C-alpha atoms as a PDB file:
ATOM      1  CA  MET A   1      13.482  -0.012 -13.356  1.00  0.00           C
ATOM      2  CA  GLN A   2      12.700  -1.059  -9.813  1.00  0.00           C
ATOM      3  CA  GLN A   3       9.895  -3.350  -8.787  1.00  0.00           C
ATOM      4  CA  LEU A   4       8.245  -3.755  -5.418  1.00  0.00           C
ATOM      5  CA  TYR A   5       6.618  -7.056  -4.470  1.00  0.00           C
ATOM      6  CA  LEU A   6       3.757  -6.970  -1.963  1.00  0.00           C
ATOM      7  CA  THR A   7       2.132 -10.149  -0.775  1.00  0.00           C
ATOM      8  CA  ARG A   8      -1.553 -10.446   0.024  1.00  0.00           C
ATOM      9  CA  ARG A   9      -0.471 -10.369   3.682  1.00  0.00           C
ATOM     10  CA  ASN A  10       1.379  -7.080   3.064  1.00  0.00           C
ATOM     11  CA  LEU A  11      -1.645  -5.558   1.343  1.00  0.00           C
ATOM     12  CA  LEU A  12      -4.050  -6.674   4.066  1.00  0.00           C
ATOM     13  CA  THR A  13      -1.675  -5.322   6.716  1.00  0.00           C
ATOM     14  CA  LEU A  14      -1.638  -1.914   5.045  1.00  0.00           C
ATOM     15  CA  LEU A  15      -5.444  -1.903   4.828  1.00  0.00           C
ATOM     16  CA  SER A  16      -5.628  -2.890   8.492  1.00  0.00           C
ATOM     17  CA  LYS A  17      -3.333  -0.003   9.376  1.00  0.00           C
ATOM     18  CA  LEU A  18      -5.578   2.438   7.482  1.00  0.00           C
ATOM     19  CA  ASP A  19      -8.661   1.092   9.264  1.00  0.00           C
ATOM     20  CA  ARG A  20      -6.978   1.287  12.660  1.00  0.00           C
ATOM     21  CA  ARG A  21      -5.840   4.866  11.989  1.00  0.00           C
ATOM     22  CA  ALA A  22      -9.418   5.800  11.026  1.00  0.00           C
ATOM     23  CA  GLU A  23     -10.522   4.391  14.402  1.00  0.00           C
ATOM     24  CA  GLY A  24      -8.044   6.662  16.205  1.00  0.00           C
ATOM     25  CA  GLU A  25      -5.135   4.290  16.732  1.00  0.00           C
ATOM     26  CA  HIS A  26      -1.625   5.666  16.232  1.00  0.00           C
ATOM     27  CA  THR A  27       0.022   4.126  13.161  1.00  0.00           C
ATOM     28  CA  LYS A  28       2.171   5.529  10.391  1.00  0.00           C
ATOM     29  CA  CYS A  29       0.513   3.083   7.950  1.00  0.00           C
ATOM     30  CA  THR A  30       3.951   2.000   6.731  1.00  0.00           C
ATOM     31  CA  LEU A  31       5.666  -1.293   5.916  1.00  0.00           C
ATOM     32  CA  VAL A  32       9.421  -1.580   5.485  1.00  0.00           C
ATOM     33  CA  LYS A  33      10.460  -3.923   2.676  1.00  0.00           C
ATOM     34  CA  CYS A  34      14.096  -5.012   2.777  1.00  0.00           C
ATOM     35  CA  ASP A  35      14.315  -8.642   1.641  1.00  0.00           C
ATOM     36  CA  MET A  36      17.261  -8.329  -0.732  1.00  0.00           C
ATOM     37  CA  ILE A  37      18.096 -12.057  -0.692  1.00  0.00           C
ATOM     38  CA  HIS A  38      14.745 -13.573  -1.654  1.00  0.00           C
ATOM     39  CA  PRO A  39      15.469 -15.927  -4.578  1.00  0.00           C
ATOM     40  CA  LYS A  40      12.458 -14.881  -6.669  1.00  0.00           C
ATOM     41  CA  TYR A  41      11.160 -11.546  -5.289  1.00  0.00           C
ATOM     42  CA  PRO A  42      14.090  -9.534  -3.934  1.00  0.00           C
ATOM     43  CA  SER A  43      13.945  -5.840  -3.075  1.00  0.00           C
ATOM     44  CA  SER A  44      16.569  -3.699  -4.755  1.00  0.00           C
ATOM     45  CA  ASP A  45      16.905  -1.506  -1.670  1.00  0.00           C
ATOM     46  CA  VAL A  46      15.154  -0.742   1.610  1.00  0.00           C
ATOM     47  CA  ILE A  47      11.741   0.592   0.624  1.00  0.00           C
ATOM     48  CA  TYR A  48       9.124   2.229   2.827  1.00  0.00           C
ATOM     49  CA  VAL A  49       5.562   1.612   1.648  1.00  0.00           C
ATOM     50  CA  THR A  50       2.994   3.961   3.169  1.00  0.00           C
ATOM     51  CA  ALA A  51      -0.758   3.642   2.705  1.00  0.00           C
ATOM     52  CA  VAL A  52      -2.841   6.816   2.524  1.00  0.00           C
ATOM     53  CA  GLU A  53      -6.574   7.304   2.224  1.00  0.00           C
ATOM     54  CA  ASP A  54      -7.966   8.055  -1.242  1.00  0.00           C
ATOM     55  CA  ALA A  55      -9.521  11.295   0.041  1.00  0.00           C
ATOM     56  CA  ASP A  56      -6.089  12.511   1.144  1.00  0.00           C
ATOM     57  CA  TYR A  57      -4.210  11.431  -1.980  1.00  0.00           C
ATOM     58  CA  TYR A  58      -6.760  12.467  -4.606  1.00  0.00           C
ATOM     59  CA  ILE A  59      -7.611  15.772  -2.960  1.00  0.00           C
ATOM     60  CA  ASP A  60      -6.744  17.827  -6.055  1.00  0.00           C
ATOM     61  CA  ARG A  61      -7.261  15.402  -8.936  1.00  0.00           C
ATOM     62  CA  LYS A  62      -9.322  12.418 -10.004  1.00  0.00           C
ATOM     63  CA  ALA A  63      -8.018   8.894  -9.619  1.00  0.00           C
ATOM     64  CA  GLY A  64      -6.663   7.228 -12.748  1.00  0.00           C
ATOM     65  CA  VAL A  65      -8.428   4.594 -14.786  1.00  0.00           C
ATOM     66  CA  VAL A  66      -8.544   1.066 -13.367  1.00  0.00           C
ATOM     67  CA  TYR A  67      -9.547  -2.051 -15.264  1.00  0.00           C
ATOM     68  CA  PRO A  68     -13.291  -2.412 -14.485  1.00  0.00           C
ATOM     69  CA  ALA A  69     -12.963  -5.866 -12.881  1.00  0.00           C
ATOM     70  CA  ASP A  70     -10.264  -4.488 -10.557  1.00  0.00           C
ATOM     71  CA  GLU A  71     -12.112  -1.315  -9.553  1.00  0.00           C
ATOM     72  CA  PRO A  72     -12.397  -1.304  -5.756  1.00  0.00           C
ATOM     73  CA  LYS A  73     -15.847  -0.923  -4.285  1.00  0.00           C
ATOM     74  CA  ALA A  74     -16.203   2.396  -2.432  1.00  0.00           C
ATOM     75  CA  LYS A  75     -16.926   2.209   1.278  1.00  0.00           C
END
């Protein structure tokens, strides 16, 4: 099993990239995670994390169940 650790800063950066793309800015909406020496949260390999809009990802199916308190508010 592999695990990816994203900090709040990472998550906010990805959301910022999505917002900037929606405003017409050129961005691939991707972070590269490659901290293989972190003592507590190492990556197992170089990992590319790409954010996509819900409308693009869930174009042909419904989103899965999310714990009600964690359900994001739709924009």
